[in-house]
N, C-alpha and C. Protein backbone atom coordinates (compact mmCIF):
# COMPACT_ATOMS: atom_id res chain seq x y z
N MET A 1 21.18 3.40 44.61
CA MET A 1 20.98 3.79 45.98
C MET A 1 20.23 2.65 46.66
N ALA A 2 20.94 1.81 47.37
CA ALA A 2 20.35 0.67 48.06
C ALA A 2 19.73 1.13 49.36
N MET A 3 18.58 0.56 49.70
CA MET A 3 17.90 0.90 50.94
C MET A 3 18.50 0.05 52.06
N ALA A 4 19.00 0.69 53.08
CA ALA A 4 19.63 -0.02 54.18
C ALA A 4 18.56 -0.51 55.15
N GLY A 5 18.72 -1.73 55.61
CA GLY A 5 17.75 -2.30 56.54
C GLY A 5 18.05 -1.89 57.97
N ASN A 6 17.03 -1.85 58.79
CA ASN A 6 17.18 -1.54 60.21
C ASN A 6 17.11 -2.87 60.95
N ASN A 7 18.23 -3.37 61.43
CA ASN A 7 18.29 -4.70 62.03
C ASN A 7 17.57 -4.78 63.38
N GLY A 8 17.22 -3.65 63.98
CA GLY A 8 16.58 -3.68 65.29
C GLY A 8 15.07 -3.69 65.23
N ALA A 9 14.47 -3.67 64.04
CA ALA A 9 13.01 -3.60 63.94
C ALA A 9 12.47 -4.86 63.29
N ILE A 10 11.20 -5.14 63.57
CA ILE A 10 10.54 -6.29 62.95
C ILE A 10 10.23 -5.98 61.50
N PHE A 11 9.74 -4.78 61.20
CA PHE A 11 9.39 -4.38 59.84
C PHE A 11 10.64 -3.92 59.10
N GLN A 12 10.94 -4.56 58.01
CA GLN A 12 12.07 -4.18 57.16
C GLN A 12 11.50 -3.61 55.86
N ALA A 13 11.61 -2.30 55.65
CA ALA A 13 11.00 -1.63 54.50
C ALA A 13 11.55 -2.15 53.17
N HIS A 14 12.82 -2.49 53.11
CA HIS A 14 13.41 -2.90 51.84
C HIS A 14 13.00 -4.32 51.44
N SER A 15 12.53 -5.12 52.35
CA SER A 15 12.14 -6.48 51.99
C SER A 15 10.68 -6.78 52.31
N ALA A 16 9.92 -5.76 52.67
CA ALA A 16 8.52 -5.98 53.04
C ALA A 16 7.67 -6.24 51.81
N VAL A 17 6.73 -7.16 51.93
CA VAL A 17 5.78 -7.46 50.87
C VAL A 17 4.39 -7.35 51.49
N MET A 18 3.55 -6.56 50.84
CA MET A 18 2.19 -6.42 51.33
C MET A 18 1.45 -7.74 51.14
N LEU A 19 0.38 -7.92 51.89
CA LEU A 19 -0.34 -9.19 51.91
C LEU A 19 -0.87 -9.58 50.53
N PHE A 20 -1.40 -8.62 49.77
CA PHE A 20 -1.99 -8.94 48.47
C PHE A 20 -1.16 -8.38 47.32
N GLU A 21 0.11 -8.21 47.53
CA GLU A 21 0.97 -7.62 46.52
C GLU A 21 1.94 -8.67 45.98
N GLU A 22 2.10 -8.66 44.67
CA GLU A 22 3.07 -9.55 44.01
C GLU A 22 4.46 -8.94 44.24
N PRO A 23 5.43 -9.72 44.69
CA PRO A 23 6.77 -9.15 44.88
C PRO A 23 7.39 -8.80 43.53
N VAL A 24 7.76 -7.53 43.37
CA VAL A 24 8.38 -7.08 42.12
C VAL A 24 9.73 -6.47 42.43
N ALA A 25 10.58 -6.43 41.42
CA ALA A 25 11.91 -5.86 41.57
C ALA A 25 11.80 -4.38 41.90
N ARG A 26 12.53 -3.97 42.91
CA ARG A 26 12.49 -2.57 43.32
C ARG A 26 13.80 -2.09 43.92
N SER A 27 14.71 -3.00 44.19
CA SER A 27 15.98 -2.63 44.85
C SER A 27 17.17 -3.09 44.02
N VAL A 28 18.30 -2.46 44.28
CA VAL A 28 19.54 -2.85 43.60
C VAL A 28 19.82 -4.32 43.87
N GLY A 29 20.12 -5.06 42.81
CA GLY A 29 20.42 -6.47 42.94
C GLY A 29 19.23 -7.38 42.66
N ASP A 30 18.01 -6.84 42.61
CA ASP A 30 16.84 -7.66 42.28
C ASP A 30 16.94 -8.11 40.83
N VAL A 31 16.38 -9.28 40.55
CA VAL A 31 16.47 -9.88 39.22
C VAL A 31 15.13 -9.77 38.50
N LEU A 32 15.20 -9.42 37.23
CA LEU A 32 14.03 -9.33 36.34
C LEU A 32 14.25 -10.24 35.14
N THR A 33 13.18 -10.70 34.55
CA THR A 33 13.26 -11.46 33.31
C THR A 33 12.72 -10.58 32.19
N VAL A 34 13.54 -10.35 31.17
CA VAL A 34 13.14 -9.51 30.04
C VAL A 34 12.81 -10.42 28.87
N GLU A 35 11.60 -10.26 28.33
CA GLU A 35 11.20 -10.98 27.12
C GLU A 35 11.54 -10.08 25.94
N ILE A 36 12.59 -10.46 25.22
CA ILE A 36 13.08 -9.64 24.10
C ILE A 36 12.40 -10.08 22.83
N SER A 37 11.75 -9.14 22.19
CA SER A 37 11.13 -9.38 20.89
C SER A 37 11.26 -8.08 20.10
N GLU A 38 12.34 -7.95 19.38
CA GLU A 38 12.62 -6.73 18.64
C GLU A 38 12.81 -7.05 17.16
N SER A 39 12.33 -6.17 16.31
CA SER A 39 12.55 -6.31 14.88
C SER A 39 12.77 -4.94 14.27
N LEU A 40 13.55 -4.92 13.21
CA LEU A 40 13.88 -3.68 12.52
C LEU A 40 13.79 -3.95 11.03
N GLU A 41 12.98 -3.15 10.35
CA GLU A 41 12.87 -3.26 8.90
C GLU A 41 12.96 -1.87 8.32
N SER A 42 13.78 -1.72 7.29
CA SER A 42 13.89 -0.43 6.61
C SER A 42 14.22 -0.66 5.14
N THR A 43 13.71 0.21 4.31
CA THR A 43 14.00 0.17 2.87
C THR A 43 14.19 1.59 2.38
N GLY A 44 14.88 1.73 1.30
CA GLY A 44 15.07 3.05 0.72
C GLY A 44 15.63 2.95 -0.68
N LYS A 45 15.37 3.98 -1.49
CA LYS A 45 15.88 4.04 -2.85
C LYS A 45 16.34 5.45 -3.13
N ASP A 46 17.42 5.57 -3.89
CA ASP A 46 17.94 6.86 -4.31
C ASP A 46 18.16 6.83 -5.81
N ASN A 47 17.74 7.88 -6.50
CA ASN A 47 18.01 8.06 -7.92
C ASN A 47 18.55 9.46 -8.11
N THR A 48 19.66 9.58 -8.82
CA THR A 48 20.27 10.88 -9.05
C THR A 48 20.61 10.99 -10.53
N THR A 49 20.27 12.12 -11.13
CA THR A 49 20.62 12.39 -12.52
C THR A 49 21.21 13.79 -12.59
N LEU A 50 22.34 13.91 -13.25
CA LEU A 50 23.01 15.20 -13.40
C LEU A 50 23.45 15.32 -14.84
N SER A 51 23.18 16.46 -15.47
CA SER A 51 23.56 16.66 -16.86
C SER A 51 24.07 18.09 -17.01
N ARG A 52 25.18 18.23 -17.73
CA ARG A 52 25.74 19.56 -17.97
C ARG A 52 26.26 19.58 -19.40
N THR A 53 25.92 20.65 -20.14
CA THR A 53 26.35 20.78 -21.53
C THR A 53 26.91 22.18 -21.72
N GLY A 54 27.98 22.29 -22.49
CA GLY A 54 28.56 23.60 -22.80
C GLY A 54 29.14 23.60 -24.19
N SER A 55 29.17 24.77 -24.82
CA SER A 55 29.76 24.86 -26.16
C SER A 55 30.38 26.23 -26.35
N VAL A 56 31.38 26.28 -27.24
CA VAL A 56 32.07 27.52 -27.58
C VAL A 56 32.21 27.55 -29.11
N THR A 57 31.89 28.69 -29.69
CA THR A 57 32.05 28.87 -31.13
C THR A 57 32.74 30.20 -31.36
N ASN A 58 33.69 30.21 -32.30
CA ASN A 58 34.39 31.46 -32.60
C ASN A 58 34.45 31.62 -34.10
N THR A 59 33.96 32.73 -34.57
CA THR A 59 34.15 33.12 -35.97
C THR A 59 34.61 34.57 -35.94
N GLY A 60 35.66 34.83 -36.56
CA GLY A 60 36.14 36.21 -36.53
C GLY A 60 37.53 36.30 -37.07
N SER A 61 38.05 37.49 -36.96
CA SER A 61 39.39 37.71 -37.48
C SER A 61 40.27 38.22 -36.36
N ALA A 62 41.52 38.14 -36.61
CA ALA A 62 42.48 38.62 -35.64
C ALA A 62 43.33 39.70 -36.29
N ASP A 63 43.66 40.73 -35.55
CA ASP A 63 44.51 41.79 -36.11
C ASP A 63 45.98 41.41 -35.96
N ASP A 64 46.85 42.31 -36.32
CA ASP A 64 48.28 42.02 -36.36
C ASP A 64 48.92 41.95 -34.98
N THR A 65 48.20 42.33 -33.91
CA THR A 65 48.80 42.28 -32.58
C THR A 65 48.81 40.87 -32.00
N VAL A 66 48.04 39.97 -32.57
CA VAL A 66 48.01 38.58 -32.10
C VAL A 66 49.17 37.84 -32.75
N PRO A 67 49.92 37.01 -31.98
CA PRO A 67 51.07 36.29 -32.54
C PRO A 67 50.69 35.41 -33.73
N GLY A 68 51.65 35.05 -34.55
CA GLY A 68 51.47 34.39 -35.83
C GLY A 68 50.60 33.14 -35.84
N PHE A 69 50.94 32.12 -35.07
CA PHE A 69 50.21 30.86 -35.11
C PHE A 69 48.75 31.04 -34.68
N ILE A 70 48.54 31.80 -33.62
CA ILE A 70 47.18 32.01 -33.12
C ILE A 70 46.40 32.88 -34.10
N ARG A 71 47.07 33.88 -34.74
CA ARG A 71 46.40 34.74 -35.71
C ARG A 71 45.92 33.91 -36.89
N GLU A 72 46.76 32.99 -37.37
CA GLU A 72 46.37 32.15 -38.50
C GLU A 72 45.20 31.22 -38.11
N LEU A 73 45.23 30.73 -36.88
CA LEU A 73 44.15 29.86 -36.41
C LEU A 73 42.83 30.63 -36.36
N LEU A 74 42.87 31.85 -35.88
CA LEU A 74 41.66 32.63 -35.76
C LEU A 74 41.17 33.13 -37.12
N ARG A 75 42.07 33.36 -38.07
CA ARG A 75 41.67 33.83 -39.40
C ARG A 75 41.08 32.70 -40.24
N SER A 76 41.45 31.47 -39.92
CA SER A 76 40.91 30.35 -40.68
C SER A 76 39.41 30.29 -40.46
N ASN A 77 38.80 29.31 -41.01
CA ASN A 77 37.34 29.22 -40.92
C ASN A 77 36.83 29.42 -39.50
N THR A 78 35.98 28.60 -39.10
CA THR A 78 35.37 28.70 -37.77
C THR A 78 35.88 27.55 -36.92
N PHE A 79 36.16 27.81 -35.67
CA PHE A 79 36.45 26.67 -34.78
C PHE A 79 35.42 26.66 -33.66
N ALA A 80 35.10 25.45 -33.26
CA ALA A 80 34.05 25.29 -32.25
C ALA A 80 34.47 24.19 -31.28
N GLY A 81 33.99 24.29 -30.11
CA GLY A 81 34.24 23.26 -29.10
C GLY A 81 32.97 23.02 -28.29
N SER A 82 32.80 21.82 -27.87
CA SER A 82 31.61 21.53 -27.05
C SER A 82 31.97 20.45 -26.03
N GLY A 83 31.21 20.40 -25.00
CA GLY A 83 31.44 19.41 -23.96
C GLY A 83 30.10 18.94 -23.40
N ASP A 84 30.11 17.73 -22.95
CA ASP A 84 28.90 17.15 -22.39
C ASP A 84 29.30 16.29 -21.20
N ASN A 85 28.60 16.43 -20.10
CA ASN A 85 28.91 15.68 -18.90
C ASN A 85 27.60 15.17 -18.32
N GLN A 86 27.52 13.88 -18.13
CA GLN A 86 26.29 13.29 -17.58
C GLN A 86 26.66 12.31 -16.47
N PHE A 87 25.79 12.26 -15.47
CA PHE A 87 25.96 11.31 -14.37
C PHE A 87 24.60 10.77 -14.00
N LYS A 88 24.53 9.47 -13.86
CA LYS A 88 23.31 8.84 -13.38
C LYS A 88 23.69 7.85 -12.30
N GLY A 89 23.04 7.92 -11.18
CA GLY A 89 23.32 7.00 -10.08
C GLY A 89 22.05 6.46 -9.49
N LYS A 90 22.09 5.20 -9.11
CA LYS A 90 20.95 4.56 -8.47
C LYS A 90 21.46 3.73 -7.30
N GLY A 91 20.68 3.68 -6.27
CA GLY A 91 21.03 2.86 -5.13
C GLY A 91 19.78 2.47 -4.36
N SER A 92 19.84 1.34 -3.71
CA SER A 92 18.72 0.92 -2.88
C SER A 92 19.24 0.04 -1.75
N PHE A 93 18.46 -0.04 -0.68
CA PHE A 93 18.83 -0.90 0.42
C PHE A 93 17.57 -1.46 1.07
N GLU A 94 17.74 -2.61 1.68
CA GLU A 94 16.65 -3.25 2.40
C GLU A 94 17.27 -3.98 3.59
N THR A 95 16.75 -3.72 4.78
CA THR A 95 17.27 -4.32 5.99
C THR A 95 16.14 -4.97 6.76
N LYS A 96 16.34 -6.21 7.16
CA LYS A 96 15.39 -6.90 8.03
C LYS A 96 16.20 -7.64 9.08
N LYS A 97 16.01 -7.25 10.34
CA LYS A 97 16.73 -7.88 11.44
C LYS A 97 15.77 -8.09 12.59
N GLY A 98 16.02 -9.10 13.37
CA GLY A 98 15.17 -9.36 14.51
C GLY A 98 15.87 -10.20 15.56
N VAL A 99 15.43 -10.02 16.81
CA VAL A 99 15.96 -10.79 17.93
C VAL A 99 14.78 -11.19 18.80
N THR A 100 14.72 -12.46 19.13
CA THR A 100 13.72 -12.96 20.07
C THR A 100 14.46 -13.81 21.09
N ALA A 101 14.35 -13.45 22.36
CA ALA A 101 15.08 -14.16 23.41
C ALA A 101 14.48 -13.82 24.76
N THR A 102 14.94 -14.53 25.77
CA THR A 102 14.61 -14.23 27.16
C THR A 102 15.92 -14.04 27.89
N LEU A 103 16.01 -12.96 28.67
CA LEU A 103 17.26 -12.61 29.34
C LEU A 103 16.97 -12.16 30.76
N ALA A 104 17.69 -12.72 31.71
CA ALA A 104 17.58 -12.27 33.11
C ALA A 104 18.57 -11.13 33.32
N VAL A 105 18.09 -10.02 33.87
CA VAL A 105 18.92 -8.85 34.15
C VAL A 105 18.77 -8.47 35.62
N THR A 106 19.68 -7.66 36.10
CA THR A 106 19.60 -7.21 37.49
C THR A 106 19.38 -5.70 37.54
N VAL A 107 18.84 -5.25 38.65
CA VAL A 107 18.67 -3.82 38.88
C VAL A 107 20.03 -3.28 39.31
N ILE A 108 20.56 -2.34 38.54
CA ILE A 108 21.87 -1.76 38.82
C ILE A 108 21.74 -0.55 39.74
N ASP A 109 20.66 0.21 39.54
CA ASP A 109 20.46 1.42 40.34
C ASP A 109 18.98 1.76 40.35
N VAL A 110 18.55 2.45 41.40
CA VAL A 110 17.18 2.97 41.49
C VAL A 110 17.31 4.49 41.36
N LEU A 111 16.70 5.04 40.30
CA LEU A 111 16.80 6.47 40.04
C LEU A 111 15.90 7.24 41.00
N PRO A 112 16.13 8.54 41.20
CA PRO A 112 15.34 9.32 42.15
C PRO A 112 13.83 9.30 41.88
N ASN A 113 13.41 9.13 40.63
CA ASN A 113 11.98 9.09 40.32
C ASN A 113 11.38 7.69 40.48
N GLY A 114 12.17 6.73 40.92
CA GLY A 114 11.68 5.37 41.14
C GLY A 114 11.94 4.42 39.98
N ASN A 115 12.37 4.94 38.83
CA ASN A 115 12.68 4.07 37.70
C ASN A 115 13.91 3.23 38.02
N LEU A 116 13.98 2.08 37.35
CA LEU A 116 15.07 1.14 37.61
C LEU A 116 16.06 1.14 36.44
N LEU A 117 17.33 1.26 36.75
CA LEU A 117 18.38 1.11 35.75
C LEU A 117 18.77 -0.36 35.76
N ILE A 118 18.59 -1.04 34.62
CA ILE A 118 18.81 -2.49 34.57
C ILE A 118 19.92 -2.82 33.58
N GLY A 119 20.50 -3.99 33.75
CA GLY A 119 21.53 -4.44 32.82
C GLY A 119 21.86 -5.90 33.05
N GLY A 120 22.27 -6.56 32.00
CA GLY A 120 22.69 -7.96 32.10
C GLY A 120 23.13 -8.48 30.75
N ASP A 121 23.80 -9.62 30.78
CA ASP A 121 24.19 -10.27 29.54
C ASP A 121 24.14 -11.78 29.69
N LYS A 122 24.10 -12.42 28.55
CA LYS A 122 24.08 -13.89 28.50
C LYS A 122 25.09 -14.32 27.46
N ARG A 123 25.93 -15.29 27.82
CA ARG A 123 26.94 -15.82 26.90
C ARG A 123 26.64 -17.29 26.67
N VAL A 124 26.57 -17.67 25.42
CA VAL A 124 26.33 -19.06 25.05
C VAL A 124 27.45 -19.50 24.12
N SER A 125 28.13 -20.58 24.50
CA SER A 125 29.23 -21.11 23.68
C SER A 125 28.89 -22.53 23.23
N VAL A 126 29.01 -22.75 21.92
CA VAL A 126 28.80 -24.07 21.35
C VAL A 126 29.85 -24.27 20.26
N ASN A 127 30.67 -25.32 20.40
CA ASN A 127 31.69 -25.66 19.40
C ASN A 127 32.59 -24.47 19.05
N ASP A 128 33.14 -23.82 20.03
CA ASP A 128 34.02 -22.66 19.85
C ASP A 128 33.35 -21.45 19.21
N GLN A 129 32.04 -21.44 19.15
CA GLN A 129 31.30 -20.28 18.67
C GLN A 129 30.61 -19.66 19.88
N GLN A 130 30.86 -18.39 20.12
CA GLN A 130 30.28 -17.74 21.29
C GLN A 130 29.34 -16.63 20.83
N SER A 131 28.13 -16.61 21.42
CA SER A 131 27.17 -15.55 21.18
C SER A 131 26.94 -14.82 22.49
N ILE A 132 26.99 -13.50 22.44
CA ILE A 132 26.80 -12.67 23.63
C ILE A 132 25.60 -11.77 23.39
N LEU A 133 24.61 -11.86 24.27
CA LEU A 133 23.43 -11.00 24.22
C LEU A 133 23.51 -10.07 25.43
N ARG A 134 23.53 -8.76 25.18
CA ARG A 134 23.71 -7.78 26.24
C ARG A 134 22.57 -6.75 26.17
N LEU A 135 22.01 -6.39 27.34
CA LEU A 135 20.91 -5.43 27.40
C LEU A 135 21.08 -4.50 28.58
N THR A 136 20.93 -3.21 28.34
CA THR A 136 20.88 -2.21 29.41
C THR A 136 19.76 -1.23 29.08
N GLY A 137 19.24 -0.57 30.10
CA GLY A 137 18.19 0.43 29.87
C GLY A 137 17.54 0.88 31.16
N VAL A 138 16.51 1.69 31.01
CA VAL A 138 15.76 2.24 32.14
C VAL A 138 14.34 1.72 32.07
N LEU A 139 13.82 1.31 33.21
CA LEU A 139 12.52 0.66 33.27
C LEU A 139 11.65 1.31 34.33
N ASN A 140 10.39 1.57 33.99
CA ASN A 140 9.42 2.04 34.97
C ASN A 140 8.94 0.82 35.76
N ARG A 141 9.02 0.91 37.05
CA ARG A 141 8.65 -0.21 37.91
C ARG A 141 7.22 -0.67 37.66
N LYS A 142 6.34 0.23 37.23
CA LYS A 142 4.94 -0.11 36.98
C LYS A 142 4.76 -1.03 35.77
N ASP A 143 5.78 -1.12 34.91
CA ASP A 143 5.69 -1.97 33.71
C ASP A 143 6.08 -3.42 33.98
N VAL A 144 6.49 -3.73 35.19
CA VAL A 144 6.89 -5.09 35.53
C VAL A 144 5.63 -5.91 35.79
N LYS A 145 5.49 -7.04 35.07
CA LYS A 145 4.34 -7.92 35.22
C LYS A 145 4.60 -8.95 36.33
N ALA A 146 3.59 -9.72 36.62
CA ALA A 146 3.70 -10.77 37.65
C ALA A 146 4.86 -11.70 37.32
N GLY A 147 5.59 -12.09 38.33
CA GLY A 147 6.74 -12.97 38.14
C GLY A 147 7.99 -12.21 37.77
N ASN A 148 7.98 -10.87 37.91
CA ASN A 148 9.12 -10.01 37.56
C ASN A 148 9.51 -10.15 36.10
N VAL A 149 8.51 -10.13 35.23
CA VAL A 149 8.72 -10.24 33.79
C VAL A 149 8.36 -8.91 33.15
N VAL A 150 9.17 -8.48 32.20
CA VAL A 150 8.91 -7.23 31.49
C VAL A 150 9.24 -7.41 30.01
N SER A 151 8.51 -6.71 29.15
CA SER A 151 8.76 -6.75 27.71
C SER A 151 9.88 -5.76 27.37
N SER A 152 10.70 -6.12 26.40
CA SER A 152 11.79 -5.23 25.99
C SER A 152 11.25 -3.94 25.38
N LYS A 153 10.02 -3.96 24.91
CA LYS A 153 9.42 -2.77 24.31
C LYS A 153 9.11 -1.70 25.36
N LYS A 154 9.12 -2.06 26.64
CA LYS A 154 8.84 -1.12 27.72
C LYS A 154 10.11 -0.50 28.31
N ILE A 155 11.26 -0.85 27.79
CA ILE A 155 12.53 -0.36 28.32
C ILE A 155 12.96 0.89 27.56
N ALA A 156 13.15 1.97 28.30
CA ALA A 156 13.60 3.23 27.70
C ALA A 156 15.13 3.22 27.61
N ASP A 157 15.63 4.00 26.67
CA ASP A 157 17.08 4.10 26.46
C ASP A 157 17.72 2.72 26.37
N ALA A 158 17.00 1.79 25.75
CA ALA A 158 17.49 0.41 25.66
C ALA A 158 18.69 0.33 24.73
N ARG A 159 19.64 -0.47 25.14
CA ARG A 159 20.79 -0.78 24.31
C ARG A 159 20.90 -2.29 24.25
N LEU A 160 20.59 -2.84 23.10
CA LEU A 160 20.57 -4.29 22.91
C LEU A 160 21.66 -4.65 21.91
N GLU A 161 22.56 -5.53 22.32
CA GLU A 161 23.66 -5.95 21.47
C GLU A 161 23.68 -7.47 21.38
N LEU A 162 23.84 -7.97 20.17
CA LEU A 162 24.03 -9.39 19.94
C LEU A 162 25.33 -9.53 19.16
N VAL A 163 26.35 -10.07 19.82
CA VAL A 163 27.68 -10.15 19.26
C VAL A 163 28.09 -11.60 19.15
N GLY A 164 28.67 -11.95 18.02
CA GLY A 164 29.17 -13.31 17.82
C GLY A 164 30.68 -13.31 17.77
N GLN A 165 31.28 -14.36 18.32
CA GLN A 165 32.73 -14.52 18.27
C GLN A 165 33.04 -15.95 17.88
N GLY A 166 34.06 -16.11 17.06
CA GLY A 166 34.46 -17.44 16.63
C GLY A 166 34.72 -17.46 15.13
N VAL A 167 34.92 -18.65 14.59
CA VAL A 167 35.29 -18.81 13.19
C VAL A 167 34.19 -18.31 12.26
N ILE A 168 32.93 -18.61 12.57
CA ILE A 168 31.83 -18.19 11.70
C ILE A 168 31.70 -16.67 11.70
N ALA A 169 31.80 -16.05 12.88
CA ALA A 169 31.74 -14.58 12.95
C ALA A 169 32.91 -13.96 12.20
N ASP A 170 34.10 -14.56 12.31
CA ASP A 170 35.27 -14.05 11.59
C ASP A 170 35.09 -14.15 10.08
N ALA A 171 34.45 -15.22 9.62
CA ALA A 171 34.25 -15.41 8.18
C ALA A 171 33.30 -14.35 7.60
N ASN A 172 32.45 -13.77 8.43
CA ASN A 172 31.51 -12.76 7.95
C ASN A 172 32.07 -11.35 7.98
N ASN A 173 33.31 -11.19 8.44
CA ASN A 173 33.94 -9.88 8.51
C ASN A 173 35.11 -9.80 7.55
N MET A 174 35.31 -8.62 6.96
CA MET A 174 36.42 -8.40 6.06
C MET A 174 37.73 -8.30 6.85
N SER A 175 38.79 -8.86 6.32
CA SER A 175 40.08 -8.77 6.99
C SER A 175 40.62 -7.34 6.85
N TRP A 176 41.61 -7.00 7.66
CA TRP A 176 42.19 -5.66 7.61
C TRP A 176 42.86 -5.41 6.26
N MET A 177 43.42 -6.46 5.66
CA MET A 177 44.07 -6.32 4.36
C MET A 177 43.03 -6.02 3.27
N GLN A 178 41.89 -6.70 3.32
CA GLN A 178 40.83 -6.43 2.35
C GLN A 178 40.31 -5.01 2.50
N ARG A 179 40.14 -4.56 3.74
CA ARG A 179 39.66 -3.19 3.97
C ARG A 179 40.67 -2.17 3.44
N LEU A 180 41.98 -2.45 3.60
CA LEU A 180 43.01 -1.55 3.10
C LEU A 180 42.95 -1.46 1.58
N PHE A 181 42.90 -2.61 0.90
CA PHE A 181 42.83 -2.59 -0.55
C PHE A 181 41.55 -1.91 -1.05
N LEU A 182 40.46 -2.17 -0.37
CA LEU A 182 39.19 -1.56 -0.78
C LEU A 182 39.25 -0.03 -0.62
N SER A 183 39.86 0.44 0.45
CA SER A 183 39.95 1.89 0.65
C SER A 183 40.89 2.55 -0.36
N VAL A 184 41.93 1.85 -0.79
CA VAL A 184 42.87 2.41 -1.77
C VAL A 184 42.26 2.37 -3.16
N LEU A 185 41.57 1.30 -3.50
CA LEU A 185 41.04 1.13 -4.86
C LEU A 185 39.67 1.75 -5.07
N SER A 186 38.95 2.11 -4.03
CA SER A 186 37.58 2.62 -4.20
C SER A 186 37.50 3.91 -5.00
N PRO A 187 38.47 4.86 -4.94
CA PRO A 187 38.34 6.06 -5.76
C PRO A 187 38.51 5.79 -7.25
N LEU A 188 39.08 4.65 -7.63
CA LEU A 188 39.34 4.38 -9.06
C LEU A 188 38.10 4.09 -9.82
């Protein structure tokens, strides 16, 4: 919701700056600088043990109503059967990721409560390798520091994406053929 200016007046509310006030982003199209410093670390371990045992023993006799082969089997000594099933599984993971950058974003919308909806991206290409850093989120206008600078930690509903394109990014991804073989062979 952009504030429309009144061209017939000296005072323009959308562009007015108070005498002792630092100009901060407040309208659609204003530019902010976001200092991105994010890190994610997680670890976990899983241990599973499952054991099942069963046995069957038969000693006894069979009368004449049981057919011949089975009657002879039952009349013979003792027969027994047993089974054992065990499963042990272990797994662990450790993740450490981080992004440190500076990104200029624009105000996309001003929400009814005064918060700013911001978004922007930066594309850097070097030797056919392209990196795209994209950020969107909601920002409280009070968190903007002098010079229209804000920390990424102050952005609510933040969506931060760092995507690579090119030969190096392709080398780090499995091909569709590998994924197909892995999905077919994984139950074996």
